[in-house]
Amino acid sequence: AERGFTGYWPLPTRHGMTLGELARLFAGEAGIRVELHVVAMRNARRG
């Protein structure tokens, strides 16, 4: 599929991932070599 600013990766509208999780996904899947530091949120629960 063609990639653009709003459609870089095929994801459902409500995916449930944080921006940090998405960054890790994109970097890993695209093979982007980057020094990525994701800070965990306090008091956040997946549910």
All heavy atoms as atom14 arrays in JSON, in Angstrom:
{
  "sequence": "AERGFTGYWPLPTRHGMTLGELARLFAGEAGIRVELHVVAMRNARRG",
  "atom14_mask": [
    [1, 1, 1, 1, 1, 0, 0, 0, 0, 0, 0, 0, 0, 0],
    [1, 1, 1, 1, 1, 1, 1, 1, 1, 0, 0, 0, 0, 0],
    [1, 1, 1, 1, 1, 1, 1, 1, 1, 1, 1, 0, 0, 0],
    [1, 1, 1, 1, 0, 0, 0, 0, 0, 0, 0, 0, 0, 0],
    [1, 1, 1, 1, 1, 1, 1, 1, 1, 1, 1, 0, 0, 0],
    [1, 1, 1, 1, 1, 1, 1, 0, 0, 0, 0, 0, 0, 0],
    [1, 1, 1, 1, 0, 0, 0, 0, 0, 0, 0, 0, 0, 0],
    [1, 1, 1, 1, 1, 1, 1, 1, 1, 1, 1, 1, 0, 0],
    [1, 1, 1, 1, 1, 1, 1, 1, 1, 1, 1, 1, 1, 1],
    [1, 1, 1, 1, 1, 1, 1, 0, 0, 0, 0, 0, 0, 0],
    [1, 1, 1, 1, 1, 1, 1, 1, 0, 0, 0, 0, 0, 0],
    [1, 1, 1, 1, 1, 1, 1, 0, 0, 0, 0, 0, 0, 0],
    [1, 1, 1, 1, 1, 1, 1, 0, 0, 0, 0, 0, 0, 0],
    [1, 1, 1, 1, 1, 1, 1, 1, 1, 1, 1, 0, 0, 0],
    [1, 1, 1, 1, 1, 1, 1, 1, 1, 1, 0, 0, 0, 0],
    [1, 1, 1, 1, 0, 0, 0, 0, 0, 0, 0, 0, 0, 0],
    [1, 1, 1, 1, 1, 1, 1, 1, 0, 0, 0, 0, 0, 0],
    [1, 1, 1, 1, 1, 1, 1, 0, 0, 0, 0, 0, 0, 0],
    [1, 1, 1, 1, 1, 1, 1, 1, 0, 0, 0, 0, 0, 0],
    [1, 1, 1, 1, 0, 0, 0, 0, 0, 0, 0, 0, 0, 0],
    [1, 1, 1, 1, 1, 1, 1, 1, 1, 0, 0, 0, 0, 0],
    [1, 1, 1, 1, 1, 1, 1, 1, 0, 0, 0, 0, 0, 0],
    [1, 1, 1, 1, 1, 0, 0, 0, 0, 0, 0, 0, 0, 0],
    [1, 1, 1, 1, 1, 1, 1, 1, 1, 1, 1, 0, 0, 0],
    [1, 1, 1, 1, 1, 1, 1, 1, 0, 0, 0, 0, 0, 0],
    [1, 1, 1, 1, 1, 1, 1, 1, 1, 1, 1, 0, 0, 0],
    [1, 1, 1, 1, 1, 0, 0, 0, 0, 0, 0, 0, 0, 0],
    [1, 1, 1, 1, 0, 0, 0, 0, 0, 0, 0, 0, 0, 0],
    [1, 1, 1, 1, 1, 1, 1, 1, 1, 0, 0, 0, 0, 0],
    [1, 1, 1, 1, 1, 0, 0, 0, 0, 0, 0, 0, 0, 0],
    [1, 1, 1, 1, 0, 0, 0, 0, 0, 0, 0, 0, 0, 0],
    [1, 1, 1, 1, 1, 1, 1, 1, 0, 0, 0, 0, 0, 0],
    [1, 1, 1, 1, 1, 1, 1, 1, 1, 1, 1, 0, 0, 0],
    [1, 1, 1, 1, 1, 1, 1, 0, 0, 0, 0, 0, 0, 0],
    [1, 1, 1, 1, 1, 1, 1, 1, 1, 0, 0, 0, 0, 0],
    [1, 1, 1, 1, 1, 1, 1, 1, 0, 0, 0, 0, 0, 0],
    [1, 1, 1, 1, 1, 1, 1, 1, 1, 1, 0, 0, 0, 0],
    [1, 1, 1, 1, 1, 1, 1, 0, 0, 0, 0, 0, 0, 0],
    [1, 1, 1, 1, 1, 1, 1, 0, 0, 0, 0, 0, 0, 0],
    [1, 1, 1, 1, 1, 0, 0, 0, 0, 0, 0, 0, 0, 0],
    [1, 1, 1, 1, 1, 1, 1, 1, 0, 0, 0, 0, 0, 0],
    [1, 1, 1, 1, 1, 1, 1, 1, 1, 1, 1, 0, 0, 0],
    [1, 1, 1, 1, 1, 1, 1, 1, 0, 0, 0, 0, 0, 0],
    [1, 1, 1, 1, 1, 0, 0, 0, 0, 0, 0, 0, 0, 0],
    [1, 1, 1, 1, 1, 1, 1, 1, 1, 1, 1, 0, 0, 0],
    [1, 1, 1, 1, 1, 1, 1, 1, 1, 1, 1, 0, 0, 0],
    [1, 1, 1, 1, 0, 0, 0, 0, 0, 0, 0, 0, 0, 0]
  ],
  "atom14_positions": [
    [[0.83, -1.2, 0.0], [0.0, 0.0, 0.0], [0.87, 1.25, 0.0], [1.98, 1.25, 0.51], [-0.9, 0.0, 1.23], [0.0, 0.0, 0.0], [0.0, 0.0, 0.0], [0.0, 0.0, 0.0], [0.0, 0.0, 0.0], [0.0, 0.0, 0.0], [0.0, 0.0, 0.0], [0.0, 0.0, 0.0], [0.0, 0.0, 0.0], [0.0, 0.0, 0.0]],
    [[0.33, 2.31, -0.56], [1.05, 3.57, -0.6], [1.1, 4.17, 0.8], [0.13, 4.12, 1.55], [0.33, 4.53, -1.55], [1.16, 5.7, -1.93], [0.51, 6.5, -3.04], [-0.11, 5.89, -3.93], [0.62, 7.72, -2.99], [0.0, 0.0, 0.0], [0.0, 0.0, 0.0], [0.0, 0.0, 0.0], [0.0, 0.0, 0.0], [0.0, 0.0, 0.0]],
    [[2.25, 4.72, 1.14], [2.4, 5.33, 2.46], [2.3, 6.84, 2.35], [2.77, 7.43, 1.39], [3.75, 4.97, 3.08], [3.85, 3.52, 3.43], [5.19, 3.23, 4.03], [5.27, 1.83, 4.4], [6.35, 1.26, 4.87], [7.45, 1.93, 5.01], [6.34, -0.01, 5.19], [0.0, 0.0, 0.0], [0.0, 0.0, 0.0], [0.0, 0.0, 0.0]],
    [[1.71, 7.45, 3.35], [1.6, 8.9, 3.39], [1.7, 9.36, 4.83], [1.9, 8.56, 5.75], [0.0, 0.0, 0.0], [0.0, 0.0, 0.0], [0.0, 0.0, 0.0], [0.0, 0.0, 0.0], [0.0, 0.0, 0.0], [0.0, 0.0, 0.0], [0.0, 0.0, 0.0], [0.0, 0.0, 0.0], [0.0, 0.0, 0.0], [0.0, 0.0, 0.0]],
    [[1.53, 10.66, 5.06], [1.66, 11.2, 6.41], [0.65, 10.57, 7.37], [0.99, 10.26, 8.5], [1.48, 12.72, 6.38], [1.53, 13.34, 7.74], [2.74, 13.45, 8.41], [0.39, 13.79, 8.36], [2.8, 14.0, 9.68], [0.44, 14.35, 9.61], [1.65, 14.46, 10.28], [0.0, 0.0, 0.0], [0.0, 0.0, 0.0], [0.0, 0.0, 0.0]],
    [[-0.58, 10.37, 6.92], [-1.6, 9.82, 7.81], [-1.76, 8.31, 7.69], [-2.52, 7.71, 8.44], [-2.97, 10.47, 7.55], [-3.34, 10.22, 6.18], [-2.94, 11.96, 7.82], [0.0, 0.0, 0.0], [0.0, 0.0, 0.0], [0.0, 0.0, 0.0], [0.0, 0.0, 0.0], [0.0, 0.0, 0.0], [0.0, 0.0, 0.0], [0.0, 0.0, 0.0]],
    [[-1.05, 7.68, 6.77], [-1.19, 6.24, 6.59], [0.14, 5.54, 6.43], [0.33, 4.75, 5.51], [0.0, 0.0, 0.0], [0.0, 0.0, 0.0], [0.0, 0.0, 0.0], [0.0, 0.0, 0.0], [0.0, 0.0, 0.0], [0.0, 0.0, 0.0], [0.0, 0.0, 0.0], [0.0, 0.0, 0.0], [0.0, 0.0, 0.0], [0.0, 0.0, 0.0]],
    [[1.09, 5.83, 7.32], [2.42, 5.26, 7.2], [2.44, 3.76, 7.46], [3.19, 3.02, 6.87], [3.39, 5.97, 8.14], [4.81, 5.5, 7.97], [5.56, 5.93, 6.89], [5.38, 4.62, 8.87], [6.86, 5.5, 6.71], [6.68, 4.18, 8.69], [7.41, 4.63, 7.62], [8.69, 4.19, 7.44], [0.0, 0.0, 0.0], [0.0, 0.0, 0.0]],
    [[1.61, 3.31, 8.38], [1.59, 1.89, 8.77], [0.15, 1.41, 8.83], [-0.71, 2.13, 9.32], [2.24, 1.73, 10.14], [2.99, 0.46, 10.28], [2.53, -0.7, 10.8], [4.31, 0.2, 9.87], [3.49, -1.66, 10.74], [4.6, -1.13, 10.17], [5.29, 0.98, 9.25], [5.82, -1.72, 9.89], [6.51, 0.39, 8.99], [6.75, -0.93, 9.3]],
    [[-0.13, 0.18, 8.38], [-1.52, -0.31, 8.44], [-1.91, -0.68, 9.88], [-1.44, -1.68, 10.42], [-1.5, -1.54, 7.53], [-0.08, -2.0, 7.53], [0.77, -0.76, 7.72], [0.0, 0.0, 0.0], [0.0, 0.0, 0.0], [0.0, 0.0, 0.0], [0.0, 0.0, 0.0], [0.0, 0.0, 0.0], [0.0, 0.0, 0.0], [0.0, 0.0, 0.0]],
    [[-2.74, 0.15, 10.5], [-3.18, -0.06, 11.88], [-4.68, 0.18, 11.98], [-5.21, 1.04, 11.28], [-2.49, 0.93, 12.83], [-1.03, 0.74, 13.11], [-0.51, 1.92, 13.93], [-0.77, -0.54, 13.87], [0.0, 0.0, 0.0], [0.0, 0.0, 0.0], [0.0, 0.0, 0.0], [0.0, 0.0, 0.0], [0.0, 0.0, 0.0], [0.0, 0.0, 0.0]],
    [[-5.34, -0.54, 12.87], [-6.75, -0.24, 13.1], [-6.88, 1.12, 13.79], [-5.95, 1.6, 14.43], [-7.22, -1.37, 14.01], [-5.99, -1.89, 14.65], [-4.87, -1.66, 13.67], [0.0, 0.0, 0.0], [0.0, 0.0, 0.0], [0.0, 0.0, 0.0], [0.0, 0.0, 0.0], [0.0, 0.0, 0.0], [0.0, 0.0, 0.0], [0.0, 0.0, 0.0]],
    [[-8.03, 1.76, 13.68], [-8.25, 3.07, 14.28], [-8.05, 3.03, 15.79], [-7.43, 3.9, 16.37], [-9.66, 3.58, 13.96], [-9.8, 3.63, 12.54], [-9.9, 4.95, 14.54], [0.0, 0.0, 0.0], [0.0, 0.0, 0.0], [0.0, 0.0, 0.0], [0.0, 0.0, 0.0], [0.0, 0.0, 0.0], [0.0, 0.0, 0.0], [0.0, 0.0, 0.0]],
    [[-8.54, 1.99, 16.43], [-8.39, 1.86, 17.89], [-7.48, 0.67, 18.16], [-7.93, -0.45, 18.32], [-9.75, 1.67, 18.55], [-9.71, 1.86, 20.03], [-11.11, 1.96, 20.58], [-11.07, 2.4, 21.95], [-12.11, 2.82, 22.61], [-13.27, 2.85, 22.03], [-12.0, 3.2, 23.85], [0.0, 0.0, 0.0], [0.0, 0.0, 0.0], [0.0, 0.0, 0.0]],
    [[-6.19, 0.93, 18.21], [-5.2, -0.15, 18.33], [-4.8, -0.44, 19.76], [-4.34, -1.53, 20.06], [-3.96, 0.17, 17.49], [-3.43, 1.54, 17.73], [-2.79, 1.9, 18.89], [-3.5, 2.65, 16.97], [-2.44, 3.17, 18.82], [-2.87, 3.66, 17.66], [0.0, 0.0, 0.0], [0.0, 0.0, 0.0], [0.0, 0.0, 0.0], [0.0, 0.0, 0.0]],
    [[-4.88, 0.52, 20.67], [-4.57, 0.29, 22.08], [-3.11, 0.42, 22.45], [-2.73, 0.1, 23.57], [0.0, 0.0, 0.0], [0.0, 0.0, 0.0], [0.0, 0.0, 0.0], [0.0, 0.0, 0.0], [0.0, 0.0, 0.0], [0.0, 0.0, 0.0], [0.0, 0.0, 0.0], [0.0, 0.0, 0.0], [0.0, 0.0, 0.0], [0.0, 0.0, 0.0]],
    [[-2.26, 0.88, 21.54], [-0.84, 1.05, 21.85], [-0.53, 2.51, 22.18], [-1.17, 3.42, 21.66], [0.02, 0.6, 20.67], [0.02, -0.89, 20.47], [1.17, -1.4, 19.2], [0.12, -1.22, 17.76], [0.0, 0.0, 0.0], [0.0, 0.0, 0.0], [0.0, 0.0, 0.0], [0.0, 0.0, 0.0], [0.0, 0.0, 0.0], [0.0, 0.0, 0.0]],
    [[0.46, 2.69, 23.06], [0.93, 4.04, 23.36], [1.83, 4.52, 22.23], [2.25, 3.73, 21.38], [1.72, 4.07, 24.68], [2.93, 3.32, 24.5], [0.92, 3.5, 25.84], [0.0, 0.0, 0.0], [0.0, 0.0, 0.0], [0.0, 0.0, 0.0], [0.0, 0.0, 0.0], [0.0, 0.0, 0.0], [0.0, 0.0, 0.0], [0.0, 0.0, 0.0]],
    [[2.14, 5.81, 22.22], [3.06, 6.33, 21.21], [4.43, 5.67, 21.3], [5.08, 5.41, 20.29], [3.18, 7.85, 21.33], [1.96, 8.64, 20.91], [2.17, 10.12, 21.15], [1.62, 8.39, 19.46], [0.0, 0.0, 0.0], [0.0, 0.0, 0.0], [0.0, 0.0, 0.0], [0.0, 0.0, 0.0], [0.0, 0.0, 0.0], [0.0, 0.0, 0.0]],
    [[4.87, 5.39, 22.51], [6.16, 4.7, 22.68], [6.13, 3.29, 22.11], [7.08, 2.84, 21.47], [0.0, 0.0, 0.0], [0.0, 0.0, 0.0], [0.0, 0.0, 0.0], [0.0, 0.0, 0.0], [0.0, 0.0, 0.0], [0.0, 0.0, 0.0], [0.0, 0.0, 0.0], [0.0, 0.0, 0.0], [0.0, 0.0, 0.0], [0.0, 0.0, 0.0]],
    [[5.03, 2.58, 22.35], [4.89, 1.23, 21.79], [4.83, 1.27, 20.27], [5.43, 0.43, 19.59], [3.64, 0.56, 22.35], [3.76, 0.23, 23.82], [2.43, -0.15, 24.47], [1.36, 0.26, 23.99], [2.49, -0.88, 25.47], [0.0, 0.0, 0.0], [0.0, 0.0, 0.0], [0.0, 0.0, 0.0], [0.0, 0.0, 0.0], [0.0, 0.0, 0.0]],
    [[4.14, 2.28, 19.73], [4.1, 2.43, 18.27], [5.49, 2.72, 17.72], [5.89, 2.19, 16.68], [3.13, 3.55, 17.88], [1.65, 3.22, 18.03], [0.81, 4.48, 17.84], [1.23, 2.13, 17.06], [0.0, 0.0, 0.0], [0.0, 0.0, 0.0], [0.0, 0.0, 0.0], [0.0, 0.0, 0.0], [0.0, 0.0, 0.0], [0.0, 0.0, 0.0]],
    [[6.25, 3.59, 18.39], [7.61, 3.91, 17.95], [8.47, 2.65, 17.91], [9.22, 2.42, 16.96], [8.23, 4.96, 18.86], [0.0, 0.0, 0.0], [0.0, 0.0, 0.0], [0.0, 0.0, 0.0], [0.0, 0.0, 0.0], [0.0, 0.0, 0.0], [0.0, 0.0, 0.0], [0.0, 0.0, 0.0], [0.0, 0.0, 0.0], [0.0, 0.0, 0.0]],
    [[8.37, 1.83, 18.94], [9.12, 0.57, 18.95], [8.69, -0.36, 17.82], [9.51, -1.0, 17.17], [8.95, -0.14, 20.29], [9.69, 0.53, 21.41], [9.46, -0.21, 22.71], [10.27, 0.38, 23.76], [10.02, 0.25, 25.04], [8.98, -0.47, 25.45], [10.79, 0.81, 25.93], [0.0, 0.0, 0.0], [0.0, 0.0, 0.0], [0.0, 0.0, 0.0]],
    [[7.38, -0.44, 17.58], [6.86, -1.27, 16.5], [7.39, -0.8, 15.15], [7.91, -1.59, 14.37], [5.32, -1.22, 16.5], [4.64, -1.88, 15.29], [4.8, -3.4, 15.34], [3.19, -1.5, 15.21], [0.0, 0.0, 0.0], [0.0, 0.0, 0.0], [0.0, 0.0, 0.0], [0.0, 0.0, 0.0], [0.0, 0.0, 0.0], [0.0, 0.0, 0.0]],
    [[7.26, 0.5, 14.88], [7.69, 1.04, 13.59], [9.19, 0.83, 13.39], [9.63, 0.42, 12.31], [7.37, 2.52, 13.48], [5.89, 2.83, 13.54], [5.46, 4.08, 13.95], [4.93, 1.89, 13.21], [4.1, 4.39, 14.0], [3.57, 2.18, 13.26], [3.17, 3.43, 13.66], [0.0, 0.0, 0.0], [0.0, 0.0, 0.0], [0.0, 0.0, 0.0]],
    [[9.98, 1.12, 14.41], [11.43, 0.96, 14.29], [11.8, -0.49, 14.05], [12.64, -0.8, 13.19], [12.12, 1.49, 15.55], [0.0, 0.0, 0.0], [0.0, 0.0, 0.0], [0.0, 0.0, 0.0], [0.0, 0.0, 0.0], [0.0, 0.0, 0.0], [0.0, 0.0, 0.0], [0.0, 0.0, 0.0], [0.0, 0.0, 0.0], [0.0, 0.0, 0.0]],
    [[11.17, -1.4, 14.77], [11.47, -2.82, 14.62], [11.03, -3.38, 13.28], [11.8, -4.08, 12.61], [0.0, 0.0, 0.0], [0.0, 0.0, 0.0], [0.0, 0.0, 0.0], [0.0, 0.0, 0.0], [0.0, 0.0, 0.0], [0.0, 0.0, 0.0], [0.0, 0.0, 0.0], [0.0, 0.0, 0.0], [0.0, 0.0, 0.0], [0.0, 0.0, 0.0]],
    [[9.81, -3.08, 12.89], [9.27, -3.62, 11.64], [9.95, -3.05, 10.4], [10.12, -3.73, 9.41], [7.76, -3.37, 11.56], [6.95, -4.16, 12.57], [6.95, -5.66, 12.3], [6.83, -6.03, 11.12], [7.06, -6.43, 13.26], [0.0, 0.0, 0.0], [0.0, 0.0, 0.0], [0.0, 0.0, 0.0], [0.0, 0.0, 0.0], [0.0, 0.0, 0.0]],
    [[10.34, -1.78, 10.47], [10.95, -1.12, 9.32], [12.47, -1.26, 9.33], [13.14, -0.81, 8.4], [10.56, 0.35, 9.29], [0.0, 0.0, 0.0], [0.0, 0.0, 0.0], [0.0, 0.0, 0.0], [0.0, 0.0, 0.0], [0.0, 0.0, 0.0], [0.0, 0.0, 0.0], [0.0, 0.0, 0.0], [0.0, 0.0, 0.0], [0.0, 0.0, 0.0]],
    [[13.03, -1.86, 10.4], [14.47, -2.02, 10.48], [15.21, -0.7, 10.65], [16.34, -0.55, 10.21], [0.0, 0.0, 0.0], [0.0, 0.0, 0.0], [0.0, 0.0, 0.0], [0.0, 0.0, 0.0], [0.0, 0.0, 0.0], [0.0, 0.0, 0.0], [0.0, 0.0, 0.0], [0.0, 0.0, 0.0], [0.0, 0.0, 0.0], [0.0, 0.0, 0.0]],
    [[14.55, 0.25, 11.31], [15.16, 1.56, 11.53], [16.1, 1.46, 12.72], [15.69, 1.09, 13.82], [14.08, 2.64, 11.78], [13.14, 2.72, 10.59], [14.7, 3.98, 12.1], [11.91, 3.56, 10.84], [0.0, 0.0, 0.0], [0.0, 0.0, 0.0], [0.0, 0.0, 0.0], [0.0, 0.0, 0.0], [0.0, 0.0, 0.0], [0.0, 0.0, 0.0]],
    [[17.34, 1.79, 12.49], [18.33, 1.75, 13.57], [18.32, 3.11, 14.27], [18.79, 4.09, 13.73], [19.69, 1.43, 13.01], [19.73, 0.07, 12.33], [21.06, -0.13, 11.67], [22.02, -0.56, 12.66], [22.6, -1.75, 12.66], [22.34, -2.59, 11.69], [23.46, -2.08, 13.59], [0.0, 0.0, 0.0], [0.0, 0.0, 0.0], [0.0, 0.0, 0.0]],
    [[17.74, 3.12, 15.47], [17.59, 4.37, 16.21], [17.77, 4.1, 17.69], [17.43, 3.01, 18.17], [16.2, 5.0, 15.92], [15.08, 4.09, 16.38], [16.07, 6.36, 16.56], [0.0, 0.0, 0.0], [0.0, 0.0, 0.0], [0.0, 0.0, 0.0], [0.0, 0.0, 0.0], [0.0, 0.0, 0.0], [0.0, 0.0, 0.0], [0.0, 0.0, 0.0]],
    [[18.35, 5.05, 18.4], [18.46, 4.94, 19.85], [17.17, 5.51, 20.43], [16.96, 6.72, 20.43], [19.67, 5.73, 20.36], [19.93, 5.5, 21.83], [21.2, 6.19, 22.28], [22.14, 6.29, 21.49], [21.22, 6.61, 23.46], [0.0, 0.0, 0.0], [0.0, 0.0, 0.0], [0.0, 0.0, 0.0], [0.0, 0.0, 0.0], [0.0, 0.0, 0.0]],
    [[16.28, 4.63, 20.84], [14.94, 5.02, 21.26], [14.78, 4.8, 22.76], [15.05, 3.71, 23.27], [13.91, 4.17, 20.49], [12.45, 4.44, 20.72], [12.08, 5.86, 20.32], [11.6, 3.43, 19.95], [0.0, 0.0, 0.0], [0.0, 0.0, 0.0], [0.0, 0.0, 0.0], [0.0, 0.0, 0.0], [0.0, 0.0, 0.0], [0.0, 0.0, 0.0]],
    [[14.36, 5.84, 23.46], [14.12, 5.75, 24.91], [12.64, 6.03, 25.16], [12.18, 7.14, 24.93], [14.98, 6.76, 25.67], [16.44, 6.56, 25.5], [17.14, 5.64, 26.24], [17.3, 7.11, 24.64], [18.39, 5.67, 25.85], [18.52, 6.55, 24.88], [0.0, 0.0, 0.0], [0.0, 0.0, 0.0], [0.0, 0.0, 0.0], [0.0, 0.0, 0.0]],
    [[11.92, 5.02, 25.61], [10.5, 5.17, 25.91], [10.33, 5.17, 27.42], [10.77, 4.25, 28.1], [9.68, 4.02, 25.27], [8.21, 4.15, 25.64], [9.86, 4.02, 23.76], [0.0, 0.0, 0.0], [0.0, 0.0, 0.0], [0.0, 0.0, 0.0], [0.0, 0.0, 0.0], [0.0, 0.0, 0.0], [0.0, 0.0, 0.0], [0.0, 0.0, 0.0]],
    [[9.71, 6.21, 27.94], [9.5, 6.35, 29.37], [8.13, 5.79, 29.72], [7.12, 6.18, 29.14], [9.58, 7.84, 29.8], [9.33, 8.0, 31.29], [10.94, 8.42, 29.4], [0.0, 0.0, 0.0], [0.0, 0.0, 0.0], [0.0, 0.0, 0.0], [0.0, 0.0, 0.0], [0.0, 0.0, 0.0], [0.0, 0.0, 0.0], [0.0, 0.0, 0.0]],
    [[8.1, 4.84, 30.65], [6.84, 4.23, 31.07], [5.97, 5.23, 31.83], [6.48, 6.07, 32.58], [7.11, 3.01, 31.95], [0.0, 0.0, 0.0], [0.0, 0.0, 0.0], [0.0, 0.0, 0.0], [0.0, 0.0, 0.0], [0.0, 0.0, 0.0], [0.0, 0.0, 0.0], [0.0, 0.0, 0.0], [0.0, 0.0, 0.0], [0.0, 0.0, 0.0]],
    [[4.66, 5.15, 31.62], [3.73, 6.04, 32.32], [3.43, 5.48, 33.69], [3.29, 4.27, 33.87], [2.43, 6.16, 31.52], [2.61, 6.81, 30.19], [1.11, 7.12, 29.21], [-0.12, 6.09, 29.84], [0.0, 0.0, 0.0], [0.0, 0.0, 0.0], [0.0, 0.0, 0.0], [0.0, 0.0, 0.0], [0.0, 0.0, 0.0], [0.0, 0.0, 0.0]],
    [[3.32, 6.38, 34.66], [2.94, 5.96, 36.01], [1.44, 5.76, 36.09], [0.68, 6.48, 35.44], [3.34, 7.02, 37.03], [4.82, 7.03, 37.35], [5.1, 8.09, 38.36], [5.01, 9.36, 37.62], [5.33, 10.53, 38.11], [5.69, 10.66, 39.33], [5.24, 11.61, 37.37], [0.0, 0.0, 0.0], [0.0, 0.0, 0.0], [0.0, 0.0, 0.0]],
    [[1.03, 4.79, 36.86], [-0.39, 4.53, 37.15], [-1.23, 4.22, 35.91], [-2.44, 4.38, 35.94], [-1.02, 5.7, 37.92], [-0.29, 5.99, 39.21], [0.13, 5.08, 39.91], [-0.11, 7.25, 39.51], [0.0, 0.0, 0.0], [0.0, 0.0, 0.0], [0.0, 0.0, 0.0], [0.0, 0.0, 0.0], [0.0, 0.0, 0.0], [0.0, 0.0, 0.0]],
    [[-0.6, 3.83, 34.83], [-1.35, 3.47, 33.62], [-1.57, 1.96, 33.62], [-0.66, 1.2, 33.93], [-0.58, 3.89, 32.38], [0.0, 0.0, 0.0], [0.0, 0.0, 0.0], [0.0, 0.0, 0.0], [0.0, 0.0, 0.0], [0.0, 0.0, 0.0], [0.0, 0.0, 0.0], [0.0, 0.0, 0.0], [0.0, 0.0, 0.0], [0.0, 0.0, 0.0]],
    [[-2.79, 1.57, 33.28], [-3.11, 0.15, 33.2], [-3.64, -0.15, 31.81], [-4.37, 0.66, 31.22], [-4.16, -0.21, 34.25], [-3.64, -0.07, 35.68], [-4.75, -0.37, 36.66], [-5.88, 0.54, 36.46], [-6.22, 1.51, 37.28], [-5.56, 1.69, 38.38], [-7.25, 2.29, 37.01], [0.0, 0.0, 0.0], [0.0, 0.0, 0.0], [0.0, 0.0, 0.0]],
    [[-3.26, -1.26, 31.25], [-3.63, -1.62, 29.88], [-5.15, -1.6, 29.68], [-5.64, -1.22, 28.64], [-3.06, -3.01, 29.56], [-3.39, -3.54, 28.2], [-2.79, -2.78, 27.07], [-1.35, -2.75, 27.17], [-0.58, -1.98, 26.42], [-1.1, -1.21, 25.51], [0.71, -1.99, 26.58], [0.0, 0.0, 0.0], [0.0, 0.0, 0.0], [0.0, 0.0, 0.0]],
    [[-5.89, -1.96, 30.69], [-7.34, -2.03, 30.56], [-8.06, -0.7, 30.69], [-9.28, -0.63, 30.54], [0.0, 0.0, 0.0], [0.0, 0.0, 0.0], [0.0, 0.0, 0.0], [0.0, 0.0, 0.0], [0.0, 0.0, 0.0], [0.0, 0.0, 0.0], [0.0, 0.0, 0.0], [0.0, 0.0, 0.0], [0.0, 0.0, 0.0], [0.0, 0.0, 0.0]]
  ]
}
